[in-house]
Protein backbone atom coordinates (compact mmCIF):
# COMPACT_ATOMS: atom_id res chain seq x y z
CA UNK A 1 -0.79 -18.13 85.71
CA UNK A 2 -2.37 -17.15 82.41
CA UNK A 3 -0.11 -16.82 79.44
CA UNK A 4 0.03 -13.90 77.03
CA UNK A 5 -1.84 -15.87 74.37
CA UNK A 6 -4.71 -16.60 76.75
CA UNK A 7 -5.07 -12.91 77.56
CA UNK A 8 -5.24 -11.99 73.87
CA UNK A 9 -7.95 -14.58 73.27
CA UNK A 10 -9.97 -13.25 76.19
CA UNK A 11 -9.79 -9.70 74.81
CA UNK A 12 -10.98 -10.88 71.37
CA UNK A 13 -13.96 -12.69 72.94
CA UNK A 14 -14.97 -9.51 74.78
CA UNK A 15 -14.75 -7.45 71.59
CA UNK A 16 -16.91 -9.94 69.65
CA UNK A 17 -19.53 -9.94 72.42
CA UNK A 18 -19.78 -6.15 72.48
CA UNK A 19 -20.05 -5.71 68.65
CA UNK A 20 -23.41 -4.98 67.02
CA UNK A 21 -23.88 -6.58 63.60
CA UNK A 22 -24.67 -3.85 61.01
CA UNK A 23 -25.37 -4.93 57.43
CA UNK A 24 -22.77 -3.39 55.13
CA UNK A 25 -23.00 -2.22 51.54
CA UNK A 26 -21.29 -5.36 50.28
CA UNK A 27 -23.97 -7.54 51.83
CA UNK A 28 -26.70 -5.36 50.30
CA UNK A 29 -25.06 -5.57 46.85
CA UNK A 30 -24.68 -9.33 47.13
CA UNK A 31 -28.34 -9.61 48.11
CA UNK A 32 -29.39 -7.49 45.11
CA UNK A 33 -27.27 -9.59 42.75
CA UNK A 34 -28.82 -12.78 44.07
CA UNK A 35 -32.32 -11.29 43.63
CA UNK A 36 -31.51 -10.20 40.04
CA UNK A 37 -30.09 -13.62 39.23
CA UNK A 38 -33.16 -15.31 40.67
CA UNK A 39 -35.35 -12.98 38.62
CA UNK A 40 -33.46 -13.76 35.39
CA UNK A 41 -33.64 -17.48 36.06
CA UNK A 42 -37.34 -17.14 36.72
CA UNK A 43 -37.78 -15.32 33.38
CA UNK A 44 -35.81 -18.01 31.56
CA UNK A 45 -37.81 -20.74 33.22
CA UNK A 46 -41.06 -18.96 32.40
CA UNK A 47 -40.15 -18.98 28.68
CA UNK A 48 -41.86 -21.78 26.82
CA UNK A 49 -39.65 -22.84 23.93
CA UNK A 50 -42.43 -25.02 22.61
CA UNK A 51 -44.39 -21.84 21.87
CA UNK A 52 -43.35 -20.10 18.66
CA UNK A 53 -44.47 -16.66 19.90
CA UNK A 54 -41.92 -16.79 22.72
CA UNK A 55 -39.12 -17.56 20.25
CA UNK A 56 -40.05 -15.31 17.32
CA UNK A 57 -41.17 -11.79 18.26
CA UNK A 58 -40.17 -9.66 15.27
CA UNK A 59 -43.47 -9.78 13.40
CA UNK A 60 -45.39 -8.50 16.43
CA UNK A 61 -43.02 -5.59 17.06
CA UNK A 62 -44.14 -2.04 16.37
CA UNK A 63 -40.96 -1.24 14.43
CA UNK A 64 -41.55 -4.09 11.97
CA UNK A 65 -45.15 -3.07 11.33
CA UNK A 66 -44.29 0.63 10.91
CA UNK A 67 -41.49 0.00 8.42
CA UNK A 68 -43.54 -2.47 6.38
CA UNK A 69 -46.45 -0.01 6.24
CA UNK A 70 -44.13 2.76 5.01
CA UNK A 71 -42.63 0.44 2.42
CA UNK A 72 -46.05 -0.54 1.07
CA UNK A 73 -47.12 3.10 0.87
CA UNK A 74 -43.88 4.06 -0.89
CA UNK A 75 -44.23 1.23 -3.41
CA UNK A 76 -47.76 2.35 -4.22
CA UNK A 77 -46.74 5.99 -4.67
CA UNK A 78 -43.70 5.19 -6.76
CA UNK A 79 -40.33 6.93 -6.81
CA UNK A 80 -40.53 10.66 -6.16
CA UNK A 81 -36.99 11.17 -4.88
CA UNK A 82 -35.32 14.31 -6.18
CA UNK A 83 -32.21 16.06 -5.02
CA UNK A 84 -33.06 19.52 -3.68
CA UNK A 85 -29.74 20.08 -1.94
CA UNK A 86 -30.73 17.99 1.05
CA UNK A 87 -27.95 16.12 2.78
CA UNK A 88 -28.31 12.41 2.14
CA UNK A 89 -28.46 11.52 5.85
CA UNK A 90 -31.27 14.07 6.44
CA UNK A 91 -33.47 12.81 3.61
CA UNK A 92 -36.47 10.94 5.11
CA UNK A 93 -36.60 8.62 2.12
CA UNK A 94 -32.97 7.67 2.66
CA UNK A 95 -33.63 7.14 6.36
CA UNK A 96 -36.39 4.72 5.39
CA UNK A 97 -33.93 2.88 3.14
CA UNK A 98 -31.44 2.65 6.02
CA UNK A 99 -34.22 1.29 8.26
CA UNK A 100 -35.11 -1.21 5.55
CA UNK A 101 -31.53 -2.42 5.35
CA UNK A 102 -31.42 -2.88 9.13
CA UNK A 103 -34.79 -4.63 9.04
CA UNK A 104 -33.62 -7.03 6.34
CA UNK A 105 -30.71 -8.07 8.58
CA UNK A 106 -33.15 -8.56 11.49
CA UNK A 107 -35.42 -10.63 9.23
CA UNK A 108 -32.47 -12.86 8.30
CA UNK A 109 -31.67 -13.40 11.98
CA UNK A 110 -35.34 -14.10 12.75
CA UNK A 111 -35.52 -16.65 9.92
CA UNK A 112 -32.48 -18.43 11.39
CA UNK A 113 -34.19 -18.56 14.81
CA UNK A 114 -37.37 -19.98 13.27
CA UNK A 115 -35.26 -22.43 11.25
CA UNK A 116 -33.71 -23.73 14.48
CA UNK A 117 -37.20 -24.09 15.97
CA UNK A 118 -38.43 -26.05 12.94
CA UNK A 119 -35.31 -28.20 12.89
CA UNK A 120 -35.64 -29.09 16.57
CA UNK A 121 -39.28 -30.12 16.11
CA UNK A 122 -38.92 -31.96 12.80
CA UNK A 123 -35.75 -33.79 13.84
CA UNK A 124 -37.93 -36.50 15.40
CA UNK A 125 -39.59 -37.17 12.04
CA UNK A 126 -36.68 -36.79 9.58
CA UNK A 127 -33.31 -36.20 11.34
CA UNK A 128 -31.26 -36.47 8.12
CA UNK A 129 -33.11 -33.69 6.29
CA UNK A 130 -31.17 -30.86 7.97
CA UNK A 131 -27.88 -32.21 6.57
CA UNK A 132 -29.34 -32.48 3.05
CA UNK A 133 -31.17 -29.12 2.81
CA UNK A 134 -29.11 -26.30 4.33
CA UNK A 135 -30.98 -23.15 3.32
CA UNK A 136 -33.61 -22.17 5.92
CA UNK A 137 -36.33 -21.16 3.43
CA UNK A 138 -35.85 -24.31 1.33
CA UNK A 139 -35.92 -26.38 4.52
CA UNK A 140 -39.20 -24.73 5.61
CA UNK A 141 -40.80 -25.33 2.21
CA UNK A 142 -39.75 -28.99 2.17
CA UNK A 143 -40.96 -29.59 5.73
CA UNK A 144 -44.32 -27.98 4.95
CA UNK A 145 -44.62 -30.07 1.80
CA UNK A 146 -43.67 -33.40 3.41
CA UNK A 147 -45.47 -33.06 6.74
CA UNK A 148 -46.04 -36.49 8.28
CA UNK A 149 -45.85 -38.35 4.96
CA UNK A 150 -43.75 -41.53 5.18
CA UNK A 151 -43.53 -42.39 1.48
CA UNK A 152 -41.87 -39.48 -0.29
CA UNK A 153 -42.69 -40.89 -3.70
CA UNK A 154 -46.17 -39.48 -3.09
CA UNK A 155 -44.77 -35.98 -2.40
CA UNK A 156 -43.91 -33.73 -5.34
CA UNK A 157 -40.78 -31.75 -4.46
CA UNK A 158 -40.21 -30.58 -8.03
CA UNK A 159 -39.48 -26.87 -8.06
CA UNK A 160 -38.45 -26.76 -4.41
CA UNK A 161 -35.10 -28.55 -4.70
CA UNK A 162 -32.71 -29.60 -7.49
CA UNK A 163 -33.41 -33.01 -8.99
CA UNK A 164 -30.20 -34.50 -7.55
CA UNK A 165 -31.11 -33.41 -4.01
CA UNK A 166 -34.69 -34.68 -4.46
CA UNK A 167 -33.33 -38.12 -5.33
CA UNK A 168 -31.05 -38.17 -2.27
CA UNK A 169 -33.85 -36.97 0.03
CA UNK A 170 -36.21 -39.66 -1.27
CA UNK A 171 -33.67 -42.45 -0.80
CA UNK A 172 -32.71 -41.20 2.69
CA UNK A 173 -36.36 -40.92 3.75
CA UNK A 174 -36.92 -44.60 2.96
CA UNK A 175 -34.24 -45.62 5.48
CA UNK A 176 -34.70 -42.94 8.14
CA UNK A 177 -35.13 -43.82 11.80
CA UNK A 178 -37.64 -41.01 12.47
CA UNK A 179 -41.24 -41.47 13.53
CA UNK A 180 -44.36 -39.45 12.64
CA UNK A 181 -44.90 -36.35 14.75
CA UNK A 182 -47.89 -35.88 17.06
CA UNK A 183 -50.63 -33.70 15.67
CA UNK A 184 -49.97 -30.72 17.97
CA UNK A 185 -46.20 -30.74 17.27
CA UNK A 186 -46.83 -31.00 13.53
CA UNK A 187 -49.24 -28.06 13.71
CA UNK A 188 -46.62 -25.90 15.48
CA UNK A 189 -44.01 -26.91 12.91
CA UNK A 190 -46.27 -26.00 9.96
CA UNK A 191 -47.08 -22.67 11.63
CA UNK A 192 -43.36 -21.94 12.01
CA UNK A 193 -42.84 -22.77 8.32
CA UNK A 194 -45.60 -20.34 7.35
CA UNK A 195 -44.04 -17.64 9.50
CA UNK A 196 -40.62 -18.16 7.93
CA UNK A 197 -42.10 -17.95 4.42
CA UNK A 198 -44.02 -14.79 5.40
CA UNK A 199 -40.82 -13.18 6.65
CA UNK A 200 -39.07 -14.14 3.43
CA UNK A 201 -41.79 -12.50 1.33
CA UNK A 202 -41.56 -9.39 3.54
CA UNK A 203 -37.82 -9.29 2.95
CA UNK A 204 -38.36 -9.51 -0.80
CA UNK A 205 -40.80 -6.60 -0.60
CA UNK A 206 -38.24 -4.54 1.33
CA UNK A 207 -35.57 -5.35 -1.24
CA UNK A 208 -37.94 -4.36 -4.06
CA UNK A 209 -38.42 -0.98 -2.42
CA UNK A 210 -34.68 -0.48 -1.93
CA UNK A 211 -34.09 -1.59 -5.53
CA UNK A 212 -36.48 1.04 -6.85
CA UNK A 213 -34.45 3.73 -5.09
CA UNK A 214 -31.01 2.40 -5.99
CA UNK A 215 -30.52 4.74 -8.95
CA UNK A 216 -30.74 7.69 -6.55
CA UNK A 217 -28.94 6.22 -3.53
CA UNK A 218 -26.12 4.31 -5.26
CA UNK A 219 -25.97 5.24 -8.97
CA UNK A 220 -22.38 4.05 -9.48
CA UNK A 221 -22.91 0.69 -7.76
CA UNK A 222 -26.11 0.16 -9.75
CA UNK A 223 -24.25 0.93 -12.99
CA UNK A 224 -21.83 -1.95 -12.34
CA UNK A 225 -23.95 -4.75 -10.86
CA UNK A 226 -27.50 -3.59 -11.55
CA UNK A 227 -30.18 -2.25 -9.21
CA UNK A 228 -31.41 -5.66 -7.99
CA UNK A 229 -27.98 -6.95 -7.00
CA UNK A 230 -27.03 -3.57 -5.49
CA UNK A 231 -30.14 -3.66 -3.28
CA UNK A 232 -29.32 -7.19 -2.11
CA UNK A 233 -25.71 -6.28 -1.36
CA UNK A 234 -26.78 -3.23 0.64
CA UNK A 235 -29.46 -5.16 2.48
CA UNK A 236 -27.11 -7.95 3.48
CA UNK A 237 -24.29 -5.60 4.45
CA UNK A 238 -26.60 -3.38 6.51
CA UNK A 239 -26.51 -0.19 4.46
CA UNK A 240 -24.41 1.71 1.96
CA UNK A 241 -21.85 2.91 4.51
CA UNK A 242 -21.39 -0.60 5.90
CA UNK A 243 -20.90 -1.90 2.37
CA UNK A 244 -18.34 0.83 1.65
CA UNK A 245 -16.30 -0.15 4.73
CA UNK A 246 -16.28 -3.82 3.76
CA UNK A 247 -13.25 -5.33 1.95
CA UNK A 248 -13.74 -6.72 -1.54
CA UNK A 249 -13.10 -10.32 -0.46
CA UNK A 250 -16.13 -10.11 1.87
CA UNK A 251 -18.32 -8.39 -0.73
CA UNK A 252 -17.72 -11.38 -3.00
CA UNK A 253 -19.21 -13.70 -0.33
CA UNK A 254 -22.35 -11.67 0.43
CA UNK A 255 -25.35 -13.92 -0.21
CA UNK A 256 -23.31 -17.11 -0.67
CA UNK A 257 -25.19 -20.29 0.24
CA UNK A 258 -23.79 -23.48 1.67
CA UNK A 259 -24.11 -25.93 -1.21
CA UNK A 260 -24.69 -29.64 -0.88
CA UNK A 261 -23.64 -31.56 -3.98
CA UNK A 262 -24.73 -34.94 -2.57
CA UNK A 263 -21.61 -36.64 -3.85
CA UNK A 264 -21.77 -35.24 -7.38
CA UNK A 265 -18.93 -33.53 -9.20
CA UNK A 266 -17.71 -30.09 -8.16
CA UNK A 267 -16.43 -29.29 -11.66
CA UNK A 268 -19.40 -27.11 -12.63
CA UNK A 269 -20.33 -25.74 -9.19
CA UNK A 270 -19.42 -22.20 -8.20
CA UNK A 271 -18.31 -21.89 -4.59
CA UNK A 272 -17.42 -18.68 -2.75
CA UNK A 273 -19.80 -16.65 -4.94
CA UNK A 274 -22.79 -14.72 -3.58
CA UNK A 275 -25.16 -12.23 -5.18
CA UNK A 276 -22.53 -11.22 -7.73
CA UNK A 277 -23.26 -14.37 -9.73
CA UNK A 278 -26.62 -12.83 -10.64
CA UNK A 279 -25.01 -9.93 -12.50
CA UNK A 280 -25.11 -9.72 -16.27
CA UNK A 281 -21.31 -9.53 -16.51
CA UNK A 282 -20.82 -12.72 -14.50
CA UNK A 283 -23.42 -14.67 -16.50
CA UNK A 284 -21.93 -13.60 -19.86
CA UNK A 285 -18.39 -14.62 -18.84
CA UNK A 286 -17.17 -18.10 -19.90
CA UNK A 287 -17.15 -20.59 -16.97
CA UNK A 288 -13.34 -20.93 -16.73
CA UNK A 289 -13.02 -17.17 -16.17
CA UNK A 290 -15.99 -16.60 -13.84
CA UNK A 291 -14.07 -16.72 -10.57
CA UNK A 292 -11.59 -14.12 -11.85
CA UNK A 293 -14.50 -12.00 -13.09
CA UNK A 294 -16.22 -12.31 -9.69
CA UNK A 295 -13.13 -11.09 -7.85
CA UNK A 296 -12.81 -8.18 -10.29
CA UNK A 297 -16.50 -7.30 -9.89
CA UNK A 298 -16.21 -7.36 -6.10
CA UNK A 299 -13.21 -5.01 -6.18
CA UNK A 300 -14.89 -2.50 -8.53
CA UNK A 301 -18.20 -2.71 -6.63
CA UNK A 302 -16.40 -1.78 -3.41
CA UNK A 303 -14.85 1.26 -5.12
CA UNK A 304 -18.25 2.30 -6.52
CA UNK A 305 -19.91 1.91 -3.08
CA UNK A 306 -17.24 4.17 -1.55
CA UNK A 307 -17.87 6.80 -4.22
CA UNK A 308 -21.63 6.62 -3.56
CA UNK A 309 -21.22 6.78 0.22
CA UNK A 310 -19.38 10.10 -0.08
CA UNK A 311 -21.80 11.40 -2.77
CA UNK A 312 -18.82 11.90 -5.05
CA UNK A 313 -20.67 11.30 -8.32
CA UNK A 314 -24.47 11.60 -8.63
CA UNK A 315 -24.52 10.94 -12.37
CA UNK A 316 -23.10 7.40 -12.22
CA UNK A 317 -20.28 8.28 -14.62
CA UNK A 318 -17.64 6.58 -12.46
CA UNK A 319 -19.73 3.44 -12.23
CA UNK A 320 -20.13 3.23 -16.00
CA UNK A 321 -16.38 3.78 -16.45
CA UNK A 322 -15.62 0.97 -13.97
CA UNK A 323 -18.09 -1.33 -15.73
CA UNK A 324 -16.43 -0.63 -19.08
CA UNK A 325 -13.03 -1.34 -17.52
CA UNK A 326 -14.28 -4.69 -16.21
CA UNK A 327 -15.74 -5.58 -19.61
CA UNK A 328 -12.49 -4.74 -21.44
CA UNK A 329 -10.42 -6.80 -19.01
CA UNK A 330 -12.65 -9.85 -19.47
CA UNK A 331 -12.44 -9.44 -23.25
CA UNK A 332 -8.66 -9.21 -22.94
CA UNK A 333 -8.60 -12.49 -21.00
CA UNK A 334 -10.49 -14.22 -23.80
CA UNK A 335 -8.09 -13.16 -26.54
CA UNK A 336 -5.96 -16.03 -27.90
CA UNK A 337 -2.22 -15.81 -27.35
CA UNK A 338 -0.21 -14.32 -30.22
CA UNK A 339 0.91 -16.95 -32.72
CA UNK A 340 4.52 -18.07 -32.81
CA UNK A 341 6.31 -16.46 -35.71
CA UNK A 342 9.03 -18.43 -37.51
CA UNK A 343 12.42 -17.11 -36.53
CA UNK A 344 14.24 -15.90 -39.64
CA UNK A 345 17.88 -16.68 -40.26
CA UNK A 346 20.31 -13.92 -39.38
CA UNK A 347 21.51 -11.67 -42.17
CA UNK A 348 24.98 -12.74 -43.27
CA UNK A 349 27.70 -10.30 -42.28
CA UNK A 350 29.52 -8.65 -45.08
CA UNK A 351 32.25 -7.30 -42.82
CA UNK A 352 35.34 -9.41 -42.14
CA UNK A 353 35.34 -11.38 -38.90
CA UNK A 354 37.60 -10.30 -36.08
CA UNK A 355 38.43 -13.90 -35.10
CA UNK A 356 41.19 -15.16 -37.33
CA UNK A 357 41.92 -18.78 -38.28
CA UNK A 358 44.98 -20.63 -39.51
CA UNK A 359 48.02 -22.36 -38.12
CA UNK A 360 48.64 -19.96 -35.23
CA UNK A 361 45.07 -20.38 -33.88
CA UNK A 362 45.30 -24.18 -34.14
CA UNK A 363 48.55 -24.15 -32.18
CA UNK A 364 46.98 -21.96 -29.48
CA UNK A 365 44.01 -24.33 -29.15
CA UNK A 366 46.36 -27.28 -28.88
CA UNK A 367 48.36 -25.53 -26.17
CA UNK A 368 45.31 -24.81 -23.99
CA UNK A 369 43.37 -28.00 -24.78
CA UNK A 370 42.18 -30.27 -21.93
CA UNK A 371 44.61 -33.08 -21.23
CA UNK A 372 43.85 -36.78 -21.09
CA UNK A 373 44.58 -36.78 -17.36
CA UNK A 374 41.90 -34.15 -16.74
CA UNK A 375 39.47 -36.05 -18.94
CA UNK A 376 39.93 -39.20 -16.83
CA UNK A 377 39.62 -37.18 -13.60
CA UNK A 378 36.33 -35.73 -14.80
CA UNK A 379 34.82 -39.16 -15.54
CA UNK A 380 33.45 -41.75 -13.12
CA UNK A 381 32.96 -45.45 -13.69
CA UNK A 382 29.54 -46.84 -12.83
CA UNK A 383 29.49 -48.98 -9.65
CA UNK A 384 33.13 -48.31 -8.75
CA UNK A 385 33.95 -45.79 -6.00
CA UNK A 386 36.46 -43.17 -6.99
CA UNK A 387 39.64 -42.48 -5.07
CA UNK A 388 40.13 -39.11 -3.42
CA UNK A 389 43.02 -37.09 -2.09
CA UNK A 390 42.00 -37.43 1.57
CA UNK A 391 40.32 -40.85 1.37
CA UNK A 392 36.72 -41.89 2.18
CA UNK A 393 35.35 -39.59 -0.47
CA UNK A 394 36.93 -36.49 1.09
CA UNK A 395 39.02 -33.98 -0.76
CA UNK A 396 39.44 -33.85 -4.55
CA UNK A 397 38.24 -36.92 -6.41
CA UNK A 398 40.43 -38.68 -8.96
CA UNK A 399 37.60 -40.06 -11.08
CA UNK A 400 38.82 -42.88 -13.31
CA UNK A 401 42.52 -42.13 -12.79
CA UNK A 402 44.44 -45.23 -11.73
CA UNK A 403 41.52 -47.65 -12.11
CA UNK A 404 43.27 -49.85 -14.69
CA UNK A 405 44.25 -52.30 -11.91
CA UNK A 406 47.71 -51.13 -10.73
CA UNK A 407 46.39 -49.09 -7.84
CA UNK A 408 48.57 -46.12 -8.82
CA UNK A 409 47.84 -43.01 -10.76
CA UNK A 410 48.65 -43.68 -14.34
CA UNK A 411 49.24 -40.82 -16.73
CA UNK A 412 49.36 -41.65 -20.39
CA UNK A 413 51.36 -38.90 -22.03
CA UNK A 414 50.68 -38.84 -25.73
CA UNK A 415 53.10 -37.41 -28.24
CA UNK A 416 52.70 -33.68 -28.59
CA UNK A 417 53.17 -32.32 -32.06
CA UNK A 418 54.13 -28.95 -30.72
CA UNK A 419 56.85 -30.37 -28.50
CA UNK A 420 58.18 -32.40 -31.43
CA UNK A 421 58.23 -29.30 -33.61
CA UNK A 422 60.17 -27.33 -31.02
CA UNK A 423 62.67 -30.17 -30.59
CA UNK A 424 63.39 -30.20 -34.30
CA UNK A 425 64.16 -26.52 -34.23
């Protein structure tokens, strides 16, 4: 006789035999996801990272070429910007400046990508160079200059790097474990260096254009730090509005480079300072006060950028006032401290003193004077533990009371003149 469980199993088998398999939406979605993933993997696999054109695509983009053409035309025409009541955001010249700021950020990112490409290729020849030269443009110039040369004494790096770094690079190159690159790899590396240098020159041209328009776009910021530094700050921040939203501590770091001192002293090196070190105020400040001046400049530059972003002052009057405030503060820091004046003696009082002297005062002092017992209790003998009221150092200490050798508290009562006087009476 079949059990209840056997009957249930038989019913399930009949249901499964009669069902028709219909593909559901979940299966279709899973299939599409697998196809998309396969397509992405195929695209990634089709990329050739040995080819520079597959890694760096900014120079061949239409946006890059259009903006650079407009910048060249504007530089040739000169500055013709006038305020005819047009809103700043609707001004085509301002829109070009905003596009230039965005393009300068893209150029920086593209230079970093090319720098990684150069570093990966040239690591086989000189693996230690990337830890000695950190800046991408300096690294590209040095790689292009050295090439496949083994003896760096034959390569003139003067003008590309500081003399201390040149010495370290030359010594490290003599002991490196790298090998000369093949001709095709070296050719790709030199081409990447040329592209990085071309992008850097394009960025300088964009900054020159923005600098020429700074007096109109950001008159207050230009009054504090100058047009060149204001253009660099705006270009790195991504525009005037982005700069206005940035805190002063981050404005101070815009344009800061990672410095390699190669083991030399850090006493004269300025860390945590970016483009603001190129300002006239910073350069004229004594070295011990430059960090304070840089923080002050960053704070006032942020305020000026916020005024310019809201078009609060087109004349630059606020910027000149902030610059004068910075200058006066730095001058105040450099003032010597006031000299110490000799303290004169107090003027003698001609009025009679309220405190009286004489026999009665001496008797009062004698009555309230500290006793010999309290003097001994307040003293301690070196190297000898004092006795206390509760023992083991607990309670009130007795000091030197009773330490004459008897083991008891000894009170030496001296003759009191006051008591003797009272007894006579």
